[in-house]
PDB file of N, CA and C in Angstrom:
ATOM      1  N   MET A   1       9.580 -18.936 -10.933  1.00  0.00           N
ATOM      2  CA  MET A   1       9.532 -17.240 -11.350  1.00  0.00           C
ATOM      3  C   MET A   1       8.896 -17.614 -13.181  1.00  0.00           C
ATOM      4  N   GLU A   2       8.897 -18.724 -13.917  1.00  0.00           N
ATOM      5  CA  GLU A   2       7.867 -18.072 -15.566  1.00  0.00           C
ATOM      6  C   GLU A   2       6.074 -18.033 -14.442  1.00  0.00           C
ATOM      7  N   ALA A   3       6.111 -17.996 -13.555  1.00  0.00           N
ATOM      8  CA  ALA A   3       4.662 -17.794 -13.499  1.00  0.00           C
ATOM      9  C   ALA A   3       4.659 -16.791 -13.107  1.00  0.00           C
ATOM     10  N   VAL A   4       5.022 -16.285 -12.398  1.00  0.00           N
ATOM     11  CA  VAL A   4       5.405 -14.816 -11.459  1.00  0.00           C
ATOM     12  C   VAL A   4       5.372 -13.780 -12.545  1.00  0.00           C
ATOM     13  N   ALA A   5       6.637 -13.765 -14.077  1.00  0.00           N
ATOM     14  CA  ALA A   5       6.829 -13.243 -14.686  1.00  0.00           C
ATOM     15  C   ALA A   5       5.698 -13.256 -15.878  1.00  0.00           C
ATOM     16  N   GLY A   6       5.268 -13.878 -15.554  1.00  0.00           N
ATOM     17  CA  GLY A   6       4.161 -13.875 -16.526  1.00  0.00           C
ATOM     18  C   GLY A   6       2.952 -13.512 -16.531  1.00  0.00           C
ATOM     19  N   LEU A   7       2.039 -13.375 -14.459  1.00  0.00           N
ATOM     20  CA  LEU A   7       1.406 -13.040 -14.242  1.00  0.00           C
ATOM     21  C   LEU A   7       1.478 -11.530 -14.242  1.00  0.00           C
ATOM     22  N   ALA A   8       3.128 -10.440 -13.835  1.00  0.00           N
ATOM     23  CA  ALA A   8       3.455  -9.480 -13.855  1.00  0.00           C
ATOM     24  C   ALA A   8       2.960  -8.604 -15.669  1.00  0.00           C
ATOM     25  N   HIS A   9       3.628  -9.881 -16.373  1.00  0.00           N
ATOM     26  CA  HIS A   9       3.543  -9.138 -17.973  1.00  0.00           C
ATOM     27  C   HIS A   9       1.879  -8.984 -18.001  1.00  0.00           C
ATOM     28  N   ALA A  10       1.426  -9.775 -17.911  1.00  0.00           N
ATOM     29  CA  ALA A  10      -0.466  -9.813 -18.201  1.00  0.00           C
ATOM     30  C   ALA A  10      -1.195  -8.332 -17.346  1.00  0.00           C
ATOM     31  N   TYR A  11      -1.240  -8.477 -16.404  1.00  0.00           N
ATOM     32  CA  TYR A  11      -1.623  -7.324 -15.705  1.00  0.00           C
ATOM     33  C   TYR A  11      -0.520  -5.521 -15.809  1.00  0.00           C
ATOM     34  N   GLY A  12       0.504  -5.947 -16.803  1.00  0.00           N
ATOM     35  CA  GLY A  12       1.638  -4.758 -17.333  1.00  0.00           C
ATOM     36  C   GLY A  12       2.175  -4.264 -16.279  1.00  0.00           C
ATOM     37  N   VAL A  13       2.644  -4.697 -14.807  1.00  0.00           N
ATOM     38  CA  VAL A  13       3.293  -4.965 -13.429  1.00  0.00           C
ATOM     39  C   VAL A  13       4.958  -4.769 -14.366  1.00  0.00           C
ATOM     40  N   ARG A  14       5.477  -3.876 -13.891  1.00  0.00           N
ATOM     41  CA  ARG A  14       6.913  -4.149 -14.297  1.00  0.00           C
ATOM     42  C   ARG A  14       8.030  -3.947 -13.224  1.00  0.00           C
ATOM     43  N   SER A  15       7.441  -4.072 -11.901  1.00  0.00           N
ATOM     44  CA  SER A  15       8.022  -3.996 -10.288  1.00  0.00           C
ATOM     45  C   SER A  15       7.510  -5.067  -9.519  1.00  0.00           C
ATOM     46  N   VAL A  16       8.181  -6.015  -8.855  1.00  0.00           N
ATOM     47  CA  VAL A  16       7.269  -6.478  -8.134  1.00  0.00           C
ATOM     48  C   VAL A  16       8.113  -6.192  -6.588  1.00  0.00           C
ATOM     49  N   ARG A  17       8.116  -6.343  -5.210  1.00  0.00           N
ATOM     50  CA  ARG A  17       8.615  -6.744  -4.476  1.00  0.00           C
ATOM     51  C   ARG A  17       8.855  -8.017  -4.275  1.00  0.00           C
ATOM     52  N   THR A  18      10.158  -8.258  -3.361  1.00  0.00           N
ATOM     53  CA  THR A  18      10.442 -10.057  -2.798  1.00  0.00           C
ATOM     54  C   THR A  18      10.905  -9.889  -1.339  1.00  0.00           C
ATOM     55  N   ASP A  19      10.301 -10.361  -0.343  1.00  0.00           N
ATOM     56  CA  ASP A  19      11.167  -9.929   0.614  1.00  0.00           C
ATOM     57  C   ASP A  19      12.332 -10.864   1.542  1.00  0.00           C
ATOM     58  N   GLN A  20      12.471 -10.876   2.258  1.00  0.00           N
ATOM     59  CA  GLN A  20      14.112 -11.415   3.104  1.00  0.00           C
ATOM     60  C   GLN A  20      14.606 -13.258   2.569  1.00  0.00           C
ATOM     61  N   HIS A  21      13.599 -13.817   2.103  1.00  0.00           N
ATOM     62  CA  HIS A  21      13.842 -15.391   1.619  1.00  0.00           C
ATOM     63  C   HIS A  21      14.376 -15.206   0.027  1.00  0.00           C
ATOM     64  N   SER A  22      15.560 -15.455   0.137  1.00  0.00           N
ATOM     65  CA  SER A  22      16.170 -15.357  -1.296  1.00  0.00           C
ATOM     66  C   SER A  22      16.295 -14.575  -1.989  1.00  0.00           C
ATOM     67  N   PRO A  23      16.300 -13.269  -1.887  1.00  0.00           N
ATOM     68  CA  PRO A  23      15.655 -11.897  -2.850  1.00  0.00           C
ATOM     69  C   PRO A  23      16.764 -11.976  -3.858  1.00  0.00           C
ATOM     70  N   THR A  24      18.220 -12.538  -3.888  1.00  0.00           N
ATOM     71  CA  THR A  24      19.127 -12.411  -4.878  1.00  0.00           C
ATOM     72  C   THR A  24      18.943 -13.204  -5.940  1.00  0.00           C
ATOM     73  N   PRO A  25      18.293 -14.350  -5.942  1.00  0.00           N
ATOM     74  CA  PRO A  25      17.938 -15.324  -6.847  1.00  0.00           C
ATOM     75  C   PRO A  25      16.848 -15.235  -7.481  1.00  0.00           C
ATOM     76  N   ILE A  26      16.310 -14.855  -6.506  1.00  0.00           N
ATOM     77  CA  ILE A  26      14.645 -14.422  -7.376  1.00  0.00           C
ATOM     78  C   ILE A  26      14.513 -12.690  -8.125  1.00  0.00           C
ATOM     79  N   LYS A  27      15.529 -12.022  -7.607  1.00  0.00           N
ATOM     80  CA  LYS A  27      15.272 -10.662  -8.259  1.00  0.00           C
ATOM     81  C   LYS A  27      15.852 -11.086  -9.890  1.00  0.00           C
ATOM     82  N   GLU A  28      17.360 -12.211  -9.732  1.00  0.00           N
ATOM     83  CA  GLU A  28      18.041 -12.365 -11.364  1.00  0.00           C
ATOM     84  C   GLU A  28      16.844 -13.191 -12.192  1.00  0.00           C
ATOM     85  N   ALA A  29      16.137 -14.164 -11.036  1.00  0.00           N
ATOM     86  CA  ALA A  29      15.233 -14.841 -12.040  1.00  0.00           C
ATOM     87  C   ALA A  29      14.376 -13.635 -13.047  1.00  0.00           C
ATOM     88  N   LEU A  30      13.772 -12.902 -11.844  1.00  0.00           N
ATOM     89  CA  LEU A  30      12.727 -12.067 -12.818  1.00  0.00           C
ATOM     90  C   LEU A  30      13.482 -11.164 -13.692  1.00  0.00           C
ATOM     91  N   ARG A  31      14.199 -11.029 -13.422  1.00  0.00           N
ATOM     92  CA  ARG A  31      15.638  -9.889 -14.212  1.00  0.00           C
ATOM     93  C   ARG A  31      15.626 -10.256 -15.482  1.00  0.00           C
ATOM     94  N   ARG A  32      15.532 -11.422 -15.446  1.00  0.00           N
ATOM     95  CA  ARG A  32      15.821 -11.997 -16.968  1.00  0.00           C
ATOM     96  C   ARG A  32      14.655 -11.781 -17.343  1.00  0.00           C
ATOM     97  N   ARG A  33      13.658 -12.432 -17.219  1.00  0.00           N
ATOM     98  CA  ARG A  33      12.136 -12.690 -17.445  1.00  0.00           C
ATOM     99  C   ARG A  33      11.805 -10.948 -17.740  1.00  0.00           C
ATOM    100  N   GLY A  34      12.517 -10.199 -18.045  1.00  0.00           N
ATOM    101  CA  GLY A  34      11.667  -8.191 -17.781  1.00  0.00           C
ATOM    102  C   GLY A  34      11.066  -8.146 -16.649  1.00  0.00           C
ATOM    103  N   VAL A  35      11.366  -8.409 -15.687  1.00  0.00           N
ATOM    104  CA  VAL A  35      10.537  -7.937 -14.186  1.00  0.00           C
ATOM    105  C   VAL A  35      11.499  -7.422 -13.239  1.00  0.00           C
ATOM    106  N   ARG A  36      11.200  -6.359 -12.698  1.00  0.00           N
ATOM    107  CA  ARG A  36      12.222  -6.016 -11.596  1.00  0.00           C
ATOM    108  C   ARG A  36      11.830  -6.105 -10.507  1.00  0.00           C
ATOM    109  N   ALA A  37      13.010  -6.323  -9.720  1.00  0.00           N
ATOM    110  CA  ALA A  37      12.268  -6.510  -8.198  1.00  0.00           C
ATOM    111  C   ALA A  37      13.103  -6.046  -7.210  1.00  0.00           C
ATOM    112  N   GLU A  38      11.867  -5.695  -6.408  1.00  0.00           N
ATOM    113  CA  GLU A  38      12.729  -4.633  -5.311  1.00  0.00           C
ATOM    114  C   GLU A  38      12.745  -5.379  -4.188  1.00  0.00           C
ATOM    115  N   TYR A  39      13.851  -5.795  -3.029  1.00  0.00           N
ATOM    116  CA  TYR A  39      13.853  -6.479  -1.879  1.00  0.00           C
ATOM    117  C   TYR A  39      13.210  -5.324  -0.818  1.00  0.00           C
ATOM    118  N   VAL A  40      12.786  -5.368  -0.090  1.00  0.00           N
ATOM    119  CA  VAL A  40      11.712  -5.157   0.721  1.00  0.00           C
ATOM    120  C   VAL A  40      11.716  -5.647   1.956  1.00  0.00           C
ATOM    121  N   PRO A  41      12.216  -5.876   3.255  1.00  0.00           N
ATOM    122  CA  PRO A  41      12.464  -6.492   4.264  1.00  0.00           C
ATOM    123  C   PRO A  41      10.448  -6.807   4.542  1.00  0.00           C
ATOM    124  N   TRP A  42       9.944  -8.315   4.915  1.00  0.00           N
ATOM    125  CA  TRP A  42       8.719  -8.269   5.547  1.00  0.00           C
ATOM    126  C   TRP A  42       8.860  -7.889   7.032  1.00  0.00           C
ATOM    127  N   THR A  43       8.479  -6.797   7.341  1.00  0.00           N
ATOM    128  CA  THR A  43       8.534  -6.246   8.821  1.00  0.00           C
ATOM    129  C   THR A  43       7.033  -6.594   9.284  1.00  0.00           C
ATOM    130  N   ASN A  44       6.801  -6.965  10.766  1.00  0.00           N
ATOM    131  CA  ASN A  44       5.759  -6.786  11.080  1.00  0.00           C
ATOM    132  C   ASN A  44       4.853  -5.738  11.112  1.00  0.00           C
ATOM    133  N   GLU A  45       5.426  -4.135  10.797  1.00  0.00           N
ATOM    134  CA  GLU A  45       4.716  -3.358  10.382  1.00  0.00           C
ATOM    135  C   GLU A  45       4.054  -3.535   9.621  1.00  0.00           C
ATOM    136  N   LEU A  46       5.217  -3.895   7.938  1.00  0.00           N
ATOM    137  CA  LEU A  46       4.600  -3.511   6.790  1.00  0.00           C
ATOM    138  C   LEU A  46       3.634  -4.947   6.628  1.00  0.00           C
ATOM    139  N   LYS A  47       4.044  -5.802   7.229  1.00  0.00           N
ATOM    140  CA  LYS A  47       2.156  -6.821   7.024  1.00  0.00           C
ATOM    141  C   LYS A  47       1.580  -6.908   7.405  1.00  0.00           C
ATOM    142  N   ALA A  48       1.154  -5.777   8.910  1.00  0.00           N
ATOM    143  CA  ALA A  48      -0.205  -5.385   9.184  1.00  0.00           C
ATOM    144  C   ALA A  48      -0.478  -4.607   8.020  1.00  0.00           C
ATOM    145  N   SER A  49       0.437  -3.631   7.707  1.00  0.00           N
ATOM    146  CA  SER A  49      -0.048  -2.609   6.471  1.00  0.00           C
ATOM    147  C   SER A  49      -0.496  -3.417   5.319  1.00  0.00           C
ATOM    148  N   ALA A  50       0.094  -3.758   4.512  1.00  0.00           N
ATOM    149  CA  ALA A  50      -0.079  -4.648   3.674  1.00  0.00           C
ATOM    150  C   ALA A  50      -1.275  -5.194   4.354  1.00  0.00           C
ATOM    151  N   PHE A  51      -1.730  -6.280   4.958  1.00  0.00           N
ATOM    152  CA  PHE A  51      -2.851  -7.212   5.321  1.00  0.00           C
ATOM    153  C   PHE A  51      -4.145  -5.611   5.319  1.00  0.00           C
ATOM    154  N   ALA A  52      -4.114  -4.669   5.842  1.00  0.00           N
ATOM    155  CA  ALA A  52      -5.478  -3.197   5.926  1.00  0.00           C
ATOM    156  C   ALA A  52      -5.349  -3.045   4.909  1.00  0.00           C
ATOM    157  N   SER A  53      -3.947  -2.824   4.136  1.00  0.00           N
ATOM    158  CA  SER A  53      -4.511  -2.126   2.372  1.00  0.00           C
ATOM    159  C   SER A  53      -5.100  -3.270   1.674  1.00  0.00           C
ATOM    160  N   LEU A  54      -4.650  -4.140   1.508  1.00  0.00           N
ATOM    161  CA  LEU A  54      -5.616  -5.561   0.734  1.00  0.00           C
ATOM    162  C   LEU A  54      -7.254  -5.843   1.599  1.00  0.00           C
ATOM    163  N   LYS A  55      -7.419  -5.430   2.312  1.00  0.00           N
ATOM    164  CA  LYS A  55      -8.535  -6.000   2.956  1.00  0.00           C
ATOM    165  C   LYS A  55      -9.689  -4.900   2.718  1.00  0.00           C
ATOM    166  N   THR A  56      -9.201  -3.660   2.491  1.00  0.00           N
ATOM    167  CA  THR A  56     -10.023  -2.236   2.347  1.00  0.00           C
ATOM    168  C   THR A  56      -9.555  -2.553   0.951  1.00  0.00           C
ATOM    169  N   ALA A  57      -8.842  -2.777   0.291  1.00  0.00           N
ATOM    170  CA  ALA A  57      -9.366  -3.149  -1.395  1.00  0.00           C
ATOM    171  C   ALA A  57     -10.214  -4.297  -1.861  1.00  0.00           C
ATOM    172  N   LEU A  58     -10.486  -5.186  -0.904  1.00  0.00           N
ATOM    173  CA  LEU A  58     -11.169  -6.576  -1.272  1.00  0.00           C
ATOM    174  C   LEU A  58     -12.241  -6.175  -1.213  1.00  0.00           C
ATOM    175  N   ASN A  59     -12.557  -5.710  -0.079  1.00  0.00           N
ATOM    176  CA  ASN A  59     -14.286  -5.175   0.477  1.00  0.00           C
ATOM    177  C   ASN A  59     -14.714  -3.776  -0.152  1.00  0.00           C
ATOM    178  N   THR A  60     -13.898  -3.005  -1.124  1.00  0.00           N
ATOM    179  CA  THR A  60     -14.172  -1.814  -1.767  1.00  0.00           C
ATOM    180  C   THR A  60     -14.219  -1.856  -3.514  1.00  0.00           C
ATOM    181  N   GLY A  61     -13.885  -3.134  -3.805  1.00  0.00           N
ATOM    182  CA  GLY A  61     -13.584  -3.829  -5.213  1.00  0.00           C
ATOM    183  C   GLY A  61     -12.041  -3.112  -5.730  1.00  0.00           C
ATOM    184  N   GLY A  62     -11.460  -2.759  -5.042  1.00  0.00           N
ATOM    185  CA  GLY A  62     -10.407  -1.536  -5.755  1.00  0.00           C
ATOM    186  C   GLY A  62      -9.305  -2.533  -5.431  1.00  0.00           C
ATOM    187  N   ILE A  63      -9.574  -3.662  -5.981  1.00  0.00           N
ATOM    188  CA  ILE A  63      -8.412  -4.583  -6.635  1.00  0.00           C
ATOM    189  C   ILE A  63      -8.856  -5.311  -7.484  1.00  0.00           C
ATOM    190  N   GLU A  64      -8.005  -5.899  -8.847  1.00  0.00           N
ATOM    191  CA  GLU A  64      -8.348  -6.764  -9.972  1.00  0.00           C
ATOM    192  C   GLU A  64      -7.356  -8.423  -9.324  1.00  0.00           C
ATOM    193  N   LEU A  65      -8.323  -9.016  -9.808  1.00  0.00           N
ATOM    194  CA  LEU A  65      -7.646 -10.162  -8.946  1.00  0.00           C
ATOM    195  C   LEU A  65      -7.712 -11.110 -10.481  1.00  0.00           C
ATOM    196  N   PRO A  66      -7.422 -12.304 -10.453  1.00  0.00           N
ATOM    197  CA  PRO A  66      -7.240 -13.567 -11.754  1.00  0.00           C
ATOM    198  C   PRO A  66      -8.732 -13.823 -11.475  1.00  0.00           C
ATOM    199  N   ASP A  67      -9.176 -14.511 -12.013  1.00  0.00           N
ATOM    200  CA  ASP A  67     -10.537 -15.420 -12.122  1.00  0.00           C
ATOM    201  C   ASP A  67     -10.570 -16.699 -11.294  1.00  0.00           C
ATOM    202  N   ASP A  68      -9.970 -16.617 -10.143  1.00  0.00           N
ATOM    203  CA  ASP A  68      -9.949 -18.485  -9.467  1.00  0.00           C
ATOM    204  C   ASP A  68     -10.255 -17.616  -8.353  1.00  0.00           C
ATOM    205  N   GLN A  69     -11.666 -18.874  -8.286  1.00  0.00           N
ATOM    206  CA  GLN A  69     -12.326 -19.081  -6.770  1.00  0.00           C
ATOM    207  C   GLN A  69     -12.001 -19.010  -5.877  1.00  0.00           C
ATOM    208  N   ASP A  70     -10.631 -20.079  -6.071  1.00  0.00           N
ATOM    209  CA  ASP A  70     -10.039 -20.199  -4.678  1.00  0.00           C
ATOM    210  C   ASP A  70      -9.366 -19.413  -4.247  1.00  0.00           C
ATOM    211  N   LEU A  71      -8.510 -18.443  -4.736  1.00  0.00           N
ATOM    212  CA  LEU A  71      -7.785 -17.288  -4.742  1.00  0.00           C
ATOM    213  C   LEU A  71      -8.865 -16.554  -3.925  1.00  0.00           C
ATOM    214  N   ILE A  72      -9.526 -16.407  -4.366  1.00  0.00           N
ATOM    215  CA  ILE A  72     -10.946 -15.053  -4.349  1.00  0.00           C
ATOM    216  C   ILE A  72     -11.404 -15.169  -2.677  1.00  0.00           C
ATOM    217  N   GLU A  73     -11.692 -16.589  -2.360  1.00  0.00           N
ATOM    218  CA  GLU A  73     -11.920 -17.094  -1.402  1.00  0.00           C
ATOM    219  C   GLU A  73     -11.082 -16.594  -0.474  1.00  0.00           C
ATOM    220  N   GLU A  74      -9.956 -17.297  -0.180  1.00  0.00           N
ATOM    221  CA  GLU A  74      -8.981 -17.569   0.547  1.00  0.00           C
ATOM    222  C   GLU A  74      -8.706 -15.909   0.674  1.00  0.00           C
ATOM    223  N   LEU A  75      -8.278 -14.885   0.221  1.00  0.00           N
ATOM    224  CA  LEU A  75      -7.577 -13.940   0.317  1.00  0.00           C
ATOM    225  C   LEU A  75      -9.040 -13.161   1.184  1.00  0.00           C
ATOM    226  N   CYS A  76     -10.033 -13.532   0.581  1.00  0.00           N
ATOM    227  CA  CYS A  76     -11.317 -12.999   2.057  1.00  0.00           C
ATOM    228  C   CYS A  76     -11.854 -13.689   3.319  1.00  0.00           C
ATOM    229  N   ASN A  77     -10.712 -14.725   3.571  1.00  0.00           N
ATOM    230  CA  ASN A  77     -11.324 -15.540   4.904  1.00  0.00           C
ATOM    231  C   ASN A  77      -9.559 -15.083   5.834  1.00  0.00           C
ATOM    232  N   LEU A  78      -8.740 -13.773   4.901  1.00  0.00           N
ATOM    233  CA  LEU A  78      -7.600 -13.855   5.746  1.00  0.00           C
ATOM    234  C   LEU A  78      -8.219 -13.218   6.996  1.00  0.00           C
ATOM    235  N   GLU A  79      -7.333 -13.534   7.955  1.00  0.00           N
ATOM    236  CA  GLU A  79      -7.645 -12.699   9.729  1.00  0.00           C
ATOM    237  C   GLU A  79      -6.628 -12.369  10.026  1.00  0.00           C
ATOM    238  N   ALA A  80      -5.921 -11.282  10.706  1.00  0.00           N
ATOM    239  CA  ALA A  80      -4.885 -10.801  12.052  1.00  0.00           C
ATOM    240  C   ALA A  80      -5.074 -10.766  13.180  1.00  0.00           C
ATOM    241  N   ARG A  81      -4.329 -11.880  13.789  1.00  0.00           N
ATOM    242  CA  ARG A  81      -4.541 -12.000  15.182  1.00  0.00           C
ATOM    243  C   ARG A  81      -3.214 -11.611  15.419  1.00  0.00           C
ATOM    244  N   PRO A  82      -3.322 -11.070  17.203  1.00  0.00           N
ATOM    245  CA  PRO A  82      -2.317 -10.750  17.619  1.00  0.00           C
ATOM    246  C   PRO A  82      -1.539 -12.052  18.365  1.00  0.00           C
ATOM    247  N   THR A  83      -0.089 -12.390  17.775  1.00  0.00           N
ATOM    248  CA  THR A  83       0.537 -12.970  18.744  1.00  0.00           C
ATOM    249  C   THR A  83       0.665 -13.051  20.338  1.00  0.00           C
ATOM    250  N   PRO A  84       1.622 -14.019  20.599  1.00  0.00           N
ATOM    251  CA  PRO A  84       1.831 -13.947  22.243  1.00  0.00           C
ATOM    252  C   PRO A  84       3.086 -12.829  22.364  1.00  0.00           C
ATOM    253  N   ALA A  85       3.718 -13.027  21.370  1.00  0.00           N
ATOM    254  CA  ALA A  85       4.795 -11.919  21.166  1.00  0.00           C
ATOM    255  C   ALA A  85       5.038 -10.342  20.739  1.00  0.00           C
ATOM    256  N   GLY A  86       3.356 -10.224  20.636  1.00  0.00           N
ATOM    257  CA  GLY A  86       2.790  -8.842  20.447  1.00  0.00           C
ATOM    258  C   GLY A  86       2.415  -8.764  19.032  1.00  0.00           C
ATOM    259  N   PHE A  87       3.043  -9.651  18.268  1.00  0.00           N
ATOM    260  CA  PHE A  87       3.188  -9.432  16.371  1.00  0.00           C
ATOM    261  C   PHE A  87       1.775  -9.402  15.974  1.00  0.00           C
ATOM    262  N   THR A  88       2.149  -9.617  14.608  1.00  0.00           N
ATOM    263  CA  THR A  88       0.687  -9.468  14.000  1.00  0.00           C
ATOM    264  C   THR A  88       0.776 -11.105  13.072  1.00  0.00           C
ATOM    265  N   GLY A  89      -0.121 -11.785  13.207  1.00  0.00           N
ATOM    266  CA  GLY A  89      -0.198 -13.329  12.077  1.00  0.00           C
ATOM    267  C   GLY A  89      -1.250 -13.187  11.528  1.00  0.00           C
ATOM    268  N   ILE A  90      -0.648 -13.866  10.803  1.00  0.00           N
ATOM    269  CA  ILE A  90      -1.690 -13.190   9.337  1.00  0.00           C
ATOM    270  C   ILE A  90      -2.612 -15.045   9.493  1.00  0.00           C
ATOM    271  N   ALA A  91      -3.113 -15.289   9.050  1.00  0.00           N
ATOM    272  CA  ALA A  91      -3.805 -16.555   8.169  1.00  0.00           C
ATOM    273  C   ALA A  91      -5.126 -16.801   7.888  1.00  0.00           C
ATOM    274  N   THR A  92      -5.442 -17.831   6.990  1.00  0.00           N
ATOM    275  CA  THR A  92      -6.585 -17.881   6.574  1.00  0.00           C
ATOM    276  C   THR A  92      -7.289 -17.997   8.138  1.00  0.00           C
ATOM    277  N   GLY A  93      -8.800 -18.014   7.963  1.00  0.00           N
ATOM    278  CA  GLY A  93      -9.814 -18.261   8.874  1.00  0.00           C
ATOM    279  C   GLY A  93     -10.492 -19.498   8.836  1.00  0.00           C
ATOM    280  N   ARG A  94     -10.243 -19.822   7.356  1.00  0.00           N
ATOM    281  CA  ARG A  94     -10.982 -21.379   7.343  1.00  0.00           C
ATOM    282  C   ARG A  94     -10.536 -22.531   7.842  1.00  0.00           C
ATOM    283  N   PRO A  95     -11.043 -23.372   8.562  1.00  0.00           N
ATOM    284  CA  PRO A  95     -10.536 -24.883   8.853  1.00  0.00           C
ATOM    285  C   PRO A  95      -9.694 -25.397   7.776  1.00  0.00           C
ATOM    286  N   GLY A  96      -9.199 -26.208   8.323  1.00  0.00           N
ATOM    287  CA  GLY A  96      -8.261 -27.171   7.886  1.00  0.00           C
ATOM    288  C   GLY A  96      -6.972 -26.318   6.662  1.00  0.00           C
ATOM    289  N   ALA A  97      -7.186 -24.607   6.474  1.00  0.00           N
ATOM    290  CA  ALA A  97      -6.218 -24.217   5.628  1.00  0.00           C
ATOM    291  C   ALA A  97      -5.247 -23.231   6.339  1.00  0.00           C
TER     292      ALA A  97
END
């Protein structure tokens, strides 16, 4: 949580979102570090929408990322694929990743 709060402060972010994986301890830990966390369930629709927004921002230069080549390559190689259940699976297209 210290690293998350540090990044939030470095970029001037006052509020972040957390999903259904342990939201209460995450919210409390970030609150103690001066970052407000909002619980938002990570639904398939929200995941697909976030992915589309991220890809657009990456392709148009509309997002500021840390100067970390591995992170940038991984984000640029993300792919969305339909699952057999009809949902959207998002994973890196890099072999072995």
